[in-house]
């Protein structure tokens, strides 16, 4: 989540997100804690968001839990956590033919575009 993110503002949630205001705040706080602990780097390329985290205890587990939770509420995109070369990585992929669908999510993560 970008340094400008304030988790108390539910208006920052993507429009297609089905979380309620209280759930959204709680989820955003979890993301904020993960980002503060693991110093992520986010990239956006062709409708695919990739967020790489610094490895440390519990990061991959929390990332996996959050990705599964997001897949439930924001199912317009595919959310997946994995480990690449020992580094926890989040992948968020737009549906085919709608690469712009992931743009609001990428903005929350402060992603830079490589295209």
PDB file of N, CA and C in Angstrom:
ATOM      1  N   UNK A   1       0.832  -1.163   0.000  1.00  0.00           N
ATOM      2  CA  UNK A   1       0.000   0.000   0.000  1.00  0.00           C
ATOM      3  C   UNK A   1       0.886   1.238   0.000  1.00  0.00           C
ATOM      4  N   UNK A   2       0.565   2.147  -0.821  1.00  0.00           N
ATOM      5  CA  UNK A   2       1.327   3.370  -0.993  1.00  0.00           C
ATOM      6  C   UNK A   2       1.431   4.111   0.338  1.00  0.00           C
ATOM      7  N   UNK A   3       2.506   4.855   0.522  1.00  0.00           N
ATOM      8  CA  UNK A   3       2.718   5.612   1.746  1.00  0.00           C
ATOM      9  C   UNK A   3       1.620   6.618   2.038  1.00  0.00           C
ATOM     10  N   UNK A   4       0.845   7.017   1.052  1.00  0.00           N
ATOM     11  CA  UNK A   4      -0.236   7.978   1.259  1.00  0.00           C
ATOM     12  C   UNK A   4      -1.524   7.321   1.718  1.00  0.00           C
ATOM     13  N   UNK A   5      -1.544   6.013   1.800  1.00  0.00           N
ATOM     14  CA  UNK A   5      -2.767   5.290   2.122  1.00  0.00           C
ATOM     15  C   UNK A   5      -3.160   5.499   3.568  1.00  0.00           C
ATOM     16  N   UNK A   6      -4.377   5.873   3.797  1.00  0.00           N
ATOM     17  CA  UNK A   6      -4.954   5.970   5.129  1.00  0.00           C
ATOM     18  C   UNK A   6      -6.044   4.923   5.226  1.00  0.00           C
ATOM     19  N   UNK A   7      -5.865   3.860   6.040  1.00  0.00           N
ATOM     20  CA  UNK A   7      -6.819   2.768   6.059  1.00  0.00           C
ATOM     21  C   UNK A   7      -8.197   3.136   6.595  1.00  0.00           C
ATOM     22  N   UNK A   8      -8.376   4.311   7.157  1.00  0.00           N
ATOM     23  CA  UNK A   8      -9.686   4.698   7.650  1.00  0.00           C
ATOM     24  C   UNK A   8     -10.593   5.196   6.541  1.00  0.00           C
ATOM     25  N   UNK A   9     -10.070   5.392   5.355  1.00  0.00           N
ATOM     26  CA  UNK A   9     -10.859   5.898   4.237  1.00  0.00           C
ATOM     27  C   UNK A   9     -11.339   4.749   3.368  1.00  0.00           C
ATOM     28  N   UNK A  10     -12.550   4.272   3.602  1.00  0.00           N
ATOM     29  CA  UNK A  10     -13.068   3.145   2.816  1.00  0.00           C
ATOM     30  C   UNK A  10     -13.269   3.524   1.357  1.00  0.00           C
ATOM     31  N   UNK A  11     -13.269   4.816   1.047  1.00  0.00           N
ATOM     32  CA  UNK A  11     -13.417   5.235  -0.345  1.00  0.00           C
ATOM     33  C   UNK A  11     -12.234   4.784  -1.189  1.00  0.00           C
ATOM     34  N   UNK A  12     -11.127   4.388  -0.556  1.00  0.00           N
ATOM     35  CA  UNK A  12      -9.962   3.937  -1.290  1.00  0.00           C
ATOM     36  C   UNK A  12     -10.101   2.507  -1.775  1.00  0.00           C
ATOM     37  N   UNK A  13     -11.104   1.788  -1.323  1.00  0.00           N
ATOM     38  CA  UNK A  13     -11.306   0.427  -1.790  1.00  0.00           C
ATOM     39  C   UNK A  13     -11.792   0.445  -3.228  1.00  0.00           C
ATOM     40  N   UNK A  14     -11.335  -0.493  -4.048  1.00  0.00           N
ATOM     41  CA  UNK A  14     -11.819  -0.540  -5.430  1.00  0.00           C
ATOM     42  C   UNK A  14     -13.340  -0.678  -5.472  1.00  0.00           C
ATOM     43  N   UNK A  15     -13.958  -0.104  -6.483  1.00  0.00           N
ATOM     44  CA  UNK A  15     -15.412  -0.076  -6.575  1.00  0.00           C
ATOM     45  C   UNK A  15     -16.054  -1.453  -6.571  1.00  0.00           C
ATOM     46  N   UNK A  16     -15.401  -2.450  -7.129  1.00  0.00           N
ATOM     47  CA  UNK A  16     -15.991  -3.782  -7.200  1.00  0.00           C
ATOM     48  C   UNK A  16     -15.784  -4.583  -5.929  1.00  0.00           C
ATOM     49  N   UNK A  17     -15.126  -4.042  -4.938  1.00  0.00           N
ATOM     50  CA  UNK A  17     -14.874  -4.741  -3.685  1.00  0.00           C
ATOM     51  C   UNK A  17     -16.186  -4.895  -2.922  1.00  0.00           C
ATOM     52  N   UNK A  18     -16.416  -6.082  -2.359  1.00  0.00           N
ATOM     53  CA  UNK A  18     -17.669  -6.350  -1.642  1.00  0.00           C
ATOM     54  C   UNK A  18     -17.525  -6.250  -0.135  1.00  0.00           C
ATOM     55  N   UNK A  19     -16.400  -5.778   0.369  1.00  0.00           N
ATOM     56  CA  UNK A  19     -16.226  -5.630   1.814  1.00  0.00           C
ATOM     57  C   UNK A  19     -17.069  -4.485   2.341  1.00  0.00           C
ATOM     58  N   UNK A  20     -17.573  -4.662   3.551  1.00  0.00           N
ATOM     59  CA  UNK A  20     -18.281  -3.584   4.224  1.00  0.00           C
ATOM     60  C   UNK A  20     -17.280  -2.592   4.797  1.00  0.00           C
ATOM     61  N   UNK A  21     -17.739  -1.424   5.262  1.00  0.00           N
ATOM     62  CA  UNK A  21     -16.837  -0.389   5.767  1.00  0.00           C
ATOM     63  C   UNK A  21     -15.951  -0.871   6.917  1.00  0.00           C
ATOM     64  N   UNK A  22     -16.506  -1.611   7.859  1.00  0.00           N
ATOM     65  CA  UNK A  22     -15.705  -2.089   8.984  1.00  0.00           C
ATOM     66  C   UNK A  22     -14.713  -3.157   8.552  1.00  0.00           C
ATOM     67  N   UNK A  23     -15.149  -4.072   7.693  1.00  0.00           N
ATOM     68  CA  UNK A  23     -14.269  -5.113   7.199  1.00  0.00           C
ATOM     69  C   UNK A  23     -13.158  -4.520   6.342  1.00  0.00           C
ATOM     70  N   UNK A  24     -13.516  -3.534   5.547  1.00  0.00           N
ATOM     71  CA  UNK A  24     -12.525  -2.892   4.688  1.00  0.00           C
ATOM     72  C   UNK A  24     -11.422  -2.242   5.495  1.00  0.00           C
ATOM     73  N   UNK A  25     -11.771  -1.568   6.551  1.00  0.00           N
ATOM     74  CA  UNK A  25     -10.779  -0.911   7.409  1.00  0.00           C
ATOM     75  C   UNK A  25      -9.850  -1.949   8.029  1.00  0.00           C
ATOM     76  N   UNK A  26     -10.422  -3.014   8.535  1.00  0.00           N
ATOM     77  CA  UNK A  26      -9.631  -4.076   9.150  1.00  0.00           C
ATOM     78  C   UNK A  26      -8.664  -4.704   8.135  1.00  0.00           C
ATOM     79  N   UNK A  27      -9.166  -4.967   6.938  1.00  0.00           N
ATOM     80  CA  UNK A  27      -8.329  -5.563   5.900  1.00  0.00           C
ATOM     81  C   UNK A  27      -7.209  -4.618   5.505  1.00  0.00           C
ATOM     82  N   UNK A  28      -7.522  -3.335   5.338  1.00  0.00           N
ATOM     83  CA  UNK A  28      -6.501  -2.362   4.961  1.00  0.00           C
ATOM     84  C   UNK A  28      -5.422  -2.262   6.040  1.00  0.00           C
ATOM     85  N   UNK A  29      -5.803  -2.376   7.309  1.00  0.00           N
ATOM     86  CA  UNK A  29      -4.817  -2.346   8.389  1.00  0.00           C
ATOM     87  C   UNK A  29      -3.886  -3.557   8.321  1.00  0.00           C
ATOM     88  N   UNK A  30      -4.433  -4.715   7.974  1.00  0.00           N
ATOM     89  CA  UNK A  30      -3.584  -5.907   7.811  1.00  0.00           C
ATOM     90  C   UNK A  30      -2.586  -5.707   6.684  1.00  0.00           C
ATOM     91  N   UNK A  31      -3.060  -5.173   5.556  1.00  0.00           N
ATOM     92  CA  UNK A  31      -2.145  -4.890   4.444  1.00  0.00           C
ATOM     93  C   UNK A  31      -1.075  -3.891   4.870  1.00  0.00           C
ATOM     94  N   UNK A  32      -1.475  -2.855   5.586  1.00  0.00           N
ATOM     95  CA  UNK A  32      -0.537  -1.818   6.033  1.00  0.00           C
ATOM     96  C   UNK A  32       0.553  -2.433   6.917  1.00  0.00           C
ATOM     97  N   UNK A  33       0.152  -3.301   7.861  1.00  0.00           N
ATOM     98  CA  UNK A  33       1.140  -3.935   8.736  1.00  0.00           C
ATOM     99  C   UNK A  33       2.121  -4.795   7.922  1.00  0.00           C
ATOM    100  N   UNK A  34       1.593  -5.545   6.959  1.00  0.00           N
ATOM    101  CA  UNK A  34       2.447  -6.371   6.113  1.00  0.00           C
ATOM    102  C   UNK A  34       3.426  -5.508   5.319  1.00  0.00           C
ATOM    103  N   UNK A  35       2.936  -4.428   4.772  1.00  0.00           N
ATOM    104  CA  UNK A  35       3.789  -3.552   3.969  1.00  0.00           C
ATOM    105  C   UNK A  35       4.837  -2.852   4.816  1.00  0.00           C
ATOM    106  N   UNK A  36       4.458  -2.450   6.006  1.00  0.00           N
ATOM    107  CA  UNK A  36       5.427  -1.810   6.895  1.00  0.00           C
ATOM    108  C   UNK A  36       6.523  -2.788   7.311  1.00  0.00           C
ATOM    109  N   UNK A  37       6.178  -4.059   7.464  1.00  0.00           N
ATOM    110  CA  UNK A  37       7.136  -5.065   7.909  1.00  0.00           C
ATOM    111  C   UNK A  37       8.003  -5.618   6.788  1.00  0.00           C
ATOM    112  N   UNK A  38       7.501  -5.644   5.560  1.00  0.00           N
ATOM    113  CA  UNK A  38       8.180  -6.388   4.502  1.00  0.00           C
ATOM    114  C   UNK A  38       8.617  -5.562   3.300  1.00  0.00           C
ATOM    115  N   UNK A  39       8.519  -4.252   3.360  1.00  0.00           N
ATOM    116  CA  UNK A  39       9.068  -3.344   2.344  1.00  0.00           C
ATOM    117  C   UNK A  39       8.856  -3.818   0.894  1.00  0.00           C
ATOM    118  N   UNK A  40       7.603  -3.822   0.423  1.00  0.00           N
ATOM    119  CA  UNK A  40       7.315  -4.359  -0.910  1.00  0.00           C
ATOM    120  C   UNK A  40       7.708  -3.423  -2.052  1.00  0.00           C
ATOM    121  N   UNK A  41       7.888  -4.042  -3.210  1.00  0.00           N
ATOM    122  CA  UNK A  41       8.093  -3.315  -4.462  1.00  0.00           C
ATOM    123  C   UNK A  41       7.025  -3.819  -5.428  1.00  0.00           C
ATOM    124  N   UNK A  42       6.218  -2.904  -5.954  1.00  0.00           N
ATOM    125  CA  UNK A  42       5.096  -3.272  -6.815  1.00  0.00           C
ATOM    126  C   UNK A  42       5.333  -2.813  -8.240  1.00  0.00           C
ATOM    127  N   UNK A  43       4.975  -3.704  -9.202  1.00  0.00           N
ATOM    128  CA  UNK A  43       5.070  -3.401 -10.637  1.00  0.00           C
ATOM    129  C   UNK A  43       3.765  -3.782 -11.300  1.00  0.00           C
ATOM    130  N   UNK A  44       3.410  -3.024 -12.308  1.00  0.00           N
ATOM    131  CA  UNK A  44       2.219  -3.307 -13.093  1.00  0.00           C
ATOM    132  C   UNK A  44       2.629  -3.446 -14.543  1.00  0.00           C
ATOM    133  N   UNK A  45       2.212  -4.562 -15.157  1.00  0.00           N
ATOM    134  CA  UNK A  45       2.530  -4.782 -16.559  1.00  0.00           C
ATOM    135  C   UNK A  45       1.384  -5.542 -17.212  1.00  0.00           C
ATOM    136  N   UNK A  46       0.781  -4.945 -18.223  1.00  0.00           N
ATOM    137  CA  UNK A  46      -0.264  -5.586 -19.033  1.00  0.00           C
ATOM    138  C   UNK A  46      -1.370  -6.214 -18.183  1.00  0.00           C
ATOM    139  N   UNK A  47      -1.898  -5.454 -17.241  1.00  0.00           N
ATOM    140  CA  UNK A  47      -3.014  -5.951 -16.436  1.00  0.00           C
ATOM    141  C   UNK A  47      -2.615  -6.937 -15.360  1.00  0.00           C
ATOM    142  N   UNK A  48      -1.316  -7.048 -15.081  1.00  0.00           N
ATOM    143  CA  UNK A  48      -0.838  -7.948 -14.038  1.00  0.00           C
ATOM    144  C   UNK A  48      -0.036  -7.156 -13.014  1.00  0.00           C
ATOM    145  N   UNK A  49      -0.466  -7.240 -11.777  1.00  0.00           N
ATOM    146  CA  UNK A  49       0.227  -6.589 -10.666  1.00  0.00           C
ATOM    147  C   UNK A  49       1.103  -7.634  -9.984  1.00  0.00           C
ATOM    148  N   UNK A  50       2.353  -7.284  -9.780  1.00  0.00           N
ATOM    149  CA  UNK A  50       3.271  -8.153  -9.043  1.00  0.00           C
ATOM    150  C   UNK A  50       3.848  -7.327  -7.909  1.00  0.00           C
ATOM    151  N   UNK A  51       3.734  -7.850  -6.684  1.00  0.00           N
ATOM    152  CA  UNK A  51       4.258  -7.161  -5.514  1.00  0.00           C
ATOM    153  C   UNK A  51       5.231  -8.114  -4.826  1.00  0.00           C
ATOM    154  N   UNK A  52       6.490  -7.716  -4.761  1.00  0.00           N
ATOM    155  CA  UNK A  52       7.536  -8.544  -4.155  1.00  0.00           C
ATOM    156  C   UNK A  52       7.851  -8.001  -2.764  1.00  0.00           C
ATOM    157  N   UNK A  53       7.890  -8.914  -1.800  1.00  0.00           N
ATOM    158  CA  UNK A  53       8.135  -8.571  -0.401  1.00  0.00           C
ATOM    159  C   UNK A  53       9.490  -9.095   0.045  1.00  0.00           C
ATOM    160  N   UNK A  54      10.091  -8.415   0.997  1.00  0.00           N
ATOM    161  CA  UNK A  54      11.315  -8.914   1.607  1.00  0.00           C
ATOM    162  C   UNK A  54      10.961 -10.120   2.462  1.00  0.00           C
ATOM    163  N   UNK A  55      11.731 -11.199   2.340  1.00  0.00           N
ATOM    164  CA  UNK A  55      11.416 -12.387   3.121  1.00  0.00           C
ATOM    165  C   UNK A  55      11.726 -12.179   4.603  1.00  0.00           C
ATOM    166  N   UNK A  56      10.803 -12.588   5.425  1.00  0.00           N
ATOM    167  CA  UNK A  56      10.993 -12.633   6.870  1.00  0.00           C
ATOM    168  C   UNK A  56       9.911 -13.537   7.438  1.00  0.00           C
ATOM    169  N   UNK A  57      10.078 -13.993   8.666  1.00  0.00           N
ATOM    170  CA  UNK A  57       9.118 -14.945   9.242  1.00  0.00           C
ATOM    171  C   UNK A  57       7.679 -14.426   9.193  1.00  0.00           C
ATOM    172  N   UNK A  58       6.782 -15.267   8.710  1.00  0.00           N
ATOM    173  CA  UNK A  58       5.354 -14.968   8.703  1.00  0.00           C
ATOM    174  C   UNK A  58       4.854 -14.190   7.503  1.00  0.00           C
ATOM    175  N   UNK A  59       5.750 -13.634   6.689  1.00  0.00           N
ATOM    176  CA  UNK A  59       5.319 -12.790   5.571  1.00  0.00           C
ATOM    177  C   UNK A  59       4.556 -13.610   4.531  1.00  0.00           C
ATOM    178  N   UNK A  60       5.103 -14.727   4.100  1.00  0.00           N
ATOM    179  CA  UNK A  60       4.424 -15.537   3.088  1.00  0.00           C
ATOM    180  C   UNK A  60       3.078 -16.038   3.595  1.00  0.00           C
ATOM    181  N   UNK A  61       3.007 -16.422   4.847  1.00  0.00           N
ATOM    182  CA  UNK A  61       1.750 -16.914   5.417  1.00  0.00           C
ATOM    183  C   UNK A  61       0.678 -15.823   5.437  1.00  0.00           C
ATOM    184  N   UNK A  62       1.060 -14.624   5.885  1.00  0.00           N
ATOM    185  CA  UNK A  62       0.096 -13.519   5.921  1.00  0.00           C
ATOM    186  C   UNK A  62      -0.305 -13.115   4.502  1.00  0.00           C
ATOM    187  N   UNK A  63       0.651 -13.092   3.605  1.00  0.00           N
ATOM    188  CA  UNK A  63       0.351 -12.759   2.218  1.00  0.00           C
ATOM    189  C   UNK A  63      -0.610 -13.777   1.611  1.00  0.00           C
ATOM    190  N   UNK A  64      -0.394 -15.049   1.883  1.00  0.00           N
ATOM    191  CA  UNK A  64      -1.278 -16.102   1.389  1.00  0.00           C
ATOM    192  C   UNK A  64      -2.684 -15.936   1.950  1.00  0.00           C
ATOM    193  N   UNK A  65      -2.789 -15.656   3.252  1.00  0.00           N
ATOM    194  CA  UNK A  65      -4.104 -15.439   3.873  1.00  0.00           C
ATOM    195  C   UNK A  65      -4.815 -14.230   3.277  1.00  0.00           C
ATOM    196  N   UNK A  66      -4.082 -13.139   3.104  1.00  0.00           N
ATOM    197  CA  UNK A  66      -4.690 -11.928   2.551  1.00  0.00           C
ATOM    198  C   UNK A  66      -5.110 -12.128   1.098  1.00  0.00           C
ATOM    199  N   UNK A  67      -4.291 -12.812   0.313  1.00  0.00           N
ATOM    200  CA  UNK A  67      -4.646 -13.065  -1.094  1.00  0.00           C
ATOM    201  C   UNK A  67      -5.923 -13.899  -1.177  1.00  0.00           C
ATOM    202  N   UNK A  68      -6.052 -14.900  -0.317  1.00  0.00           N
ATOM    203  CA  UNK A  68      -7.262 -15.731  -0.311  1.00  0.00           C
ATOM    204  C   UNK A  68      -8.475 -14.906   0.097  1.00  0.00           C
ATOM    205  N   UNK A  69      -8.312 -14.031   1.078  1.00  0.00           N
ATOM    206  CA  UNK A  69      -9.416 -13.180   1.517  1.00  0.00           C
ATOM    207  C   UNK A  69      -9.819 -12.207   0.414  1.00  0.00           C
ATOM    208  N   UNK A  70      -8.843 -11.635  -0.276  1.00  0.00           N
ATOM    209  CA  UNK A  70      -9.145 -10.702  -1.361  1.00  0.00           C
ATOM    210  C   UNK A  70      -9.822 -11.409  -2.532  1.00  0.00           C
ATOM    211  N   UNK A  71      -9.432 -12.645  -2.794  1.00  0.00           N
ATOM    212  CA  UNK A  71     -10.052 -13.399  -3.884  1.00  0.00           C
ATOM    213  C   UNK A  71     -11.548 -13.553  -3.635  1.00  0.00           C
ATOM    214  N   UNK A  72     -11.938 -13.660  -2.372  1.00  0.00           N
ATOM    215  CA  UNK A  72     -13.348 -13.795  -2.010  1.00  0.00           C
ATOM    216  C   UNK A  72     -14.115 -12.496  -2.235  1.00  0.00           C
ATOM    217  N   UNK A  73     -13.561 -11.377  -1.817  1.00  0.00           N
ATOM    218  CA  UNK A  73     -14.311 -10.118  -1.896  1.00  0.00           C
ATOM    219  C   UNK A  73     -14.080  -9.354  -3.199  1.00  0.00           C
ATOM    220  N   UNK A  74     -12.957  -9.579  -3.834  1.00  0.00           N
ATOM    221  CA  UNK A  74     -12.619  -8.865  -5.073  1.00  0.00           C
ATOM    222  C   UNK A  74     -12.353  -9.890  -6.173  1.00  0.00           C
ATOM    223  N   UNK A  75     -13.357 -10.695  -6.452  1.00  0.00           N
ATOM    224  CA  UNK A  75     -13.192 -11.823  -7.367  1.00  0.00           C
ATOM    225  C   UNK A  75     -13.153 -11.412  -8.843  1.00  0.00           C
ATOM    226  N   UNK A  76     -13.232 -10.119  -9.123  1.00  0.00           N
ATOM    227  CA  UNK A  76     -13.110  -9.659 -10.507  1.00  0.00           C
ATOM    228  C   UNK A  76     -11.680  -9.810 -11.012  1.00  0.00           C
ATOM    229  N   UNK A  77     -10.730 -10.108 -10.109  1.00  0.00           N
ATOM    230  CA  UNK A  77      -9.335 -10.357 -10.474  1.00  0.00           C
ATOM    231  C   UNK A  77      -8.894 -11.650  -9.789  1.00  0.00           C
ATOM    232  N   UNK A  78      -7.808 -12.222 -10.275  1.00  0.00           N
ATOM    233  CA  UNK A  78      -7.248 -13.425  -9.673  1.00  0.00           C
ATOM    234  C   UNK A  78      -6.117 -13.001  -8.737  1.00  0.00           C
ATOM    235  N   UNK A  79      -6.217 -13.411  -7.468  1.00  0.00           N
ATOM    236  CA  UNK A  79      -5.235 -13.094  -6.439  1.00  0.00           C
ATOM    237  C   UNK A  79      -4.486 -14.373  -6.087  1.00  0.00           C
ATOM    238  N   UNK A  80      -3.147 -14.306  -6.094  1.00  0.00           N
ATOM    239  CA  UNK A  80      -2.358 -15.491  -5.777  1.00  0.00           C
ATOM    240  C   UNK A  80      -1.056 -15.067  -5.104  1.00  0.00           C
ATOM    241  N   UNK A  81      -0.702 -15.786  -4.050  1.00  0.00           N
ATOM    242  CA  UNK A  81       0.578 -15.572  -3.385  1.00  0.00           C
ATOM    243  C   UNK A  81       1.473 -16.763  -3.689  1.00  0.00           C
ATOM    244  N   UNK A  82       2.755 -16.486  -3.861  1.00  0.00           N
ATOM    245  CA  UNK A  82       3.712 -17.561  -4.104  1.00  0.00           C
ATOM    246  C   UNK A  82       5.066 -17.129  -3.552  1.00  0.00           C
ATOM    247  N   UNK A  83       6.021 -18.008  -3.705  1.00  0.00           N
ATOM    248  CA  UNK A  83       7.389 -17.683  -3.324  1.00  0.00           C
ATOM    249  C   UNK A  83       8.257 -17.848  -4.564  1.00  0.00           C
ATOM    250  N   UNK A  84       9.003 -16.815  -4.899  1.00  0.00           N
ATOM    251  CA  UNK A  84       9.869 -16.835  -6.075  1.00  0.00           C
ATOM    252  C   UNK A  84      11.287 -16.514  -5.609  1.00  0.00           C
ATOM    253  N   UNK A  85      12.185 -17.457  -5.807  1.00  0.00           N
ATOM    254  CA  UNK A  85      13.577 -17.291  -5.371  1.00  0.00           C
ATOM    255  C   UNK A  85      13.662 -16.868  -3.902  1.00  0.00           C
ATOM    256  N   UNK A  86      12.833 -17.490  -3.058  1.00  0.00           N
ATOM    257  CA  UNK A  86      12.844 -17.212  -1.630  1.00  0.00           C
ATOM    258  C   UNK A  86      12.130 -15.944  -1.218  1.00  0.00           C
ATOM    259  N   UNK A  87      11.521 -15.255  -2.172  1.00  0.00           N
ATOM    260  CA  UNK A  87      10.861 -13.975  -1.898  1.00  0.00           C
ATOM    261  C   UNK A  87       9.350 -14.137  -2.028  1.00  0.00           C
ATOM    262  N   UNK A  88       8.570 -13.725  -1.001  1.00  0.00           N
ATOM    263  CA  UNK A  88       7.111 -13.761  -1.121  1.00  0.00           C
ATOM    264  C   UNK A  88       6.640 -12.790  -2.204  1.00  0.00           C
ATOM    265  N   UNK A  89       5.726 -13.266  -3.058  1.00  0.00           N
ATOM    266  CA  UNK A  89       5.251 -12.449  -4.178  1.00  0.00           C
ATOM    267  C   UNK A  89       3.729 -12.550  -4.271  1.00  0.00           C
ATOM    268  N   UNK A  90       3.083 -11.408  -4.421  1.00  0.00           N
ATOM    269  CA  UNK A  90       1.647 -11.343  -4.681  1.00  0.00           C
ATOM    270  C   UNK A  90       1.450 -11.095  -6.165  1.00  0.00           C
ATOM    271  N   UNK A  91       0.536 -11.856  -6.776  1.00  0.00           N
ATOM    272  CA  UNK A  91       0.158 -11.667  -8.170  1.00  0.00           C
ATOM    273  C   UNK A  91      -1.334 -11.340  -8.198  1.00  0.00           C
ATOM    274  N   UNK A  92      -1.692 -10.255  -8.847  1.00  0.00           N
ATOM    275  CA  UNK A  92      -3.098  -9.908  -9.054  1.00  0.00           C
ATOM    276  C   UNK A  92      -3.250  -9.712 -10.557  1.00  0.00           C
ATOM    277  N   UNK A  93      -4.123 -10.517 -11.158  1.00  0.00           N
ATOM    278  CA  UNK A  93      -4.260 -10.526 -12.609  1.00  0.00           C
ATOM    279  C   UNK A  93      -5.678 -10.124 -13.001  1.00  0.00           C
ATOM    280  N   UNK A  94      -5.763  -9.190 -13.942  1.00  0.00           N
ATOM    281  CA  UNK A  94      -7.054  -8.747 -14.474  1.00  0.00           C
ATOM    282  C   UNK A  94      -7.671  -9.845 -15.328  1.00  0.00           C
ATOM    283  N   UNK A  95      -8.988  -9.805 -15.450  1.00  0.00           N
ATOM    284  CA  UNK A  95      -9.631 -10.744 -16.366  1.00  0.00           C
ATOM    285  C   UNK A  95      -9.179 -10.478 -17.801  1.00  0.00           C
ATOM    286  N   UNK A  96      -9.221 -11.500 -18.619  1.00  0.00           N
ATOM    287  CA  UNK A  96      -8.856 -11.366 -20.022  1.00  0.00           C
ATOM    288  C   UNK A  96      -9.714 -10.285 -20.674  1.00  0.00           C
ATOM    289  N   UNK A  97      -9.061  -9.407 -21.395  1.00  0.00           N
ATOM    290  CA  UNK A  97      -9.779  -8.360 -22.105  1.00  0.00           C
ATOM    291  C   UNK A  97     -10.108  -7.139 -21.268  1.00  0.00           C
ATOM    292  N   UNK A  98      -9.712  -7.123 -19.990  1.00  0.00           N
ATOM    293  CA  UNK A  98      -9.999  -5.972 -19.128  1.00  0.00           C
ATOM    294  C   UNK A  98      -8.787  -5.643 -18.250  1.00  0.00           C
ATOM    295  N   UNK A  99      -7.645  -5.319 -18.846  1.00  0.00           N
ATOM    296  CA  UNK A  99      -6.453  -5.042 -18.035  1.00  0.00           C
ATOM    297  C   UNK A  99      -6.630  -3.855 -17.096  1.00  0.00           C
ATOM    298  N   UNK A 100      -7.548  -2.958 -17.423  1.00  0.00           N
ATOM    299  CA  UNK A 100      -7.773  -1.782 -16.572  1.00  0.00           C
ATOM    300  C   UNK A 100      -8.443  -2.141 -15.246  1.00  0.00           C
ATOM    301  N   UNK A 101      -9.002  -3.336 -15.127  1.00  0.00           N
ATOM    302  CA  UNK A 101      -9.703  -3.733 -13.901  1.00  0.00           C
ATOM    303  C   UNK A 101      -8.770  -3.768 -12.691  1.00  0.00           C
ATOM    304  N   UNK A 102      -7.500  -4.016 -12.897  1.00  0.00           N
ATOM    305  CA  UNK A 102      -6.558  -4.103 -11.782  1.00  0.00           C
ATOM    306  C   UNK A 102      -5.928  -2.741 -11.441  1.00  0.00           C
ATOM    307  N   UNK A 103      -6.185  -1.717 -12.220  1.00  0.00           N
ATOM    308  CA  UNK A 103      -5.574  -0.409 -11.994  1.00  0.00           C
ATOM    309  C   UNK A 103      -5.854   0.176 -10.607  1.00  0.00           C
ATOM    310  N   UNK A 104      -7.102   0.135 -10.103  1.00  0.00           N
ATOM    311  CA  UNK A 104      -7.325   0.687  -8.758  1.00  0.00           C
ATOM    312  C   UNK A 104      -6.551  -0.073  -7.682  1.00  0.00           C
ATOM    313  N   UNK A 105      -6.404  -1.373  -7.859  1.00  0.00           N
ATOM    314  CA  UNK A 105      -5.636  -2.170  -6.895  1.00  0.00           C
ATOM    315  C   UNK A 105      -4.163  -1.801  -6.994  1.00  0.00           C
ATOM    316  N   UNK A 106      -3.659  -1.705  -8.206  1.00  0.00           N
ATOM    317  CA  UNK A 106      -2.258  -1.339  -8.407  1.00  0.00           C
ATOM    318  C   UNK A 106      -1.955   0.022  -7.784  1.00  0.00           C
ATOM    319  N   UNK A 107      -2.887   0.952  -7.885  1.00  0.00           N
ATOM    320  CA  UNK A 107      -2.697   2.272  -7.297  1.00  0.00           C
ATOM    321  C   UNK A 107      -2.581   2.178  -5.781  1.00  0.00           C
ATOM    322  N   UNK A 108      -3.362   1.304  -5.157  1.00  0.00           N
ATOM    323  CA  UNK A 108      -3.279   1.139  -3.710  1.00  0.00           C
ATOM    324  C   UNK A 108      -1.903   0.618  -3.288  1.00  0.00           C
ATOM    325  N   UNK A 109      -1.301  -0.187  -4.130  1.00  0.00           N
ATOM    326  CA  UNK A 109       0.011  -0.744  -3.824  1.00  0.00           C
ATOM    327  C   UNK A 109       1.149   0.153  -4.274  1.00  0.00           C
ATOM    328  N   UNK A 110       0.837   1.276  -4.903  1.00  0.00           N
ATOM    329  CA  UNK A 110       1.863   2.205  -5.371  1.00  0.00           C
ATOM    330  C   UNK A 110       2.690   1.632  -6.503  1.00  0.00           C
ATOM    331  N   UNK A 111       2.064   0.807  -7.341  1.00  0.00           N
ATOM    332  CA  UNK A 111       2.777   0.128  -8.425  1.00  0.00           C
ATOM    333  C   UNK A 111       3.254   1.102  -9.478  1.00  0.00           C
ATOM    334  N   UNK A 112       4.419   0.802 -10.016  1.00  0.00           N
ATOM    335  CA  UNK A 112       4.912   1.515 -11.167  1.00  0.00           C
ATOM    336  C   UNK A 112       4.628   0.673 -12.396  1.00  0.00           C
ATOM    337  N   UNK A 113       4.307   1.316 -13.489  1.00  0.00           N
ATOM    338  CA  UNK A 113       3.984   0.607 -14.727  1.00  0.00           C
ATOM    339  C   UNK A 113       5.253   0.377 -15.524  1.00  0.00           C
ATOM    340  N   UNK A 114       5.358  -0.844 -16.070  1.00  0.00           N
ATOM    341  CA  UNK A 114       6.530  -1.150 -16.896  1.00  0.00           C
ATOM    342  C   UNK A 114       6.161  -1.118 -18.375  1.00  0.00           C
ATOM    343  N   UNK A 115       4.935  -0.712 -18.702  1.00  0.00           N
ATOM    344  CA  UNK A 115       4.519  -0.639 -20.107  1.00  0.00           C
ATOM    345  C   UNK A 115       4.358   0.789 -20.525  1.00  0.00           C
TER     346      UNK A 115
END
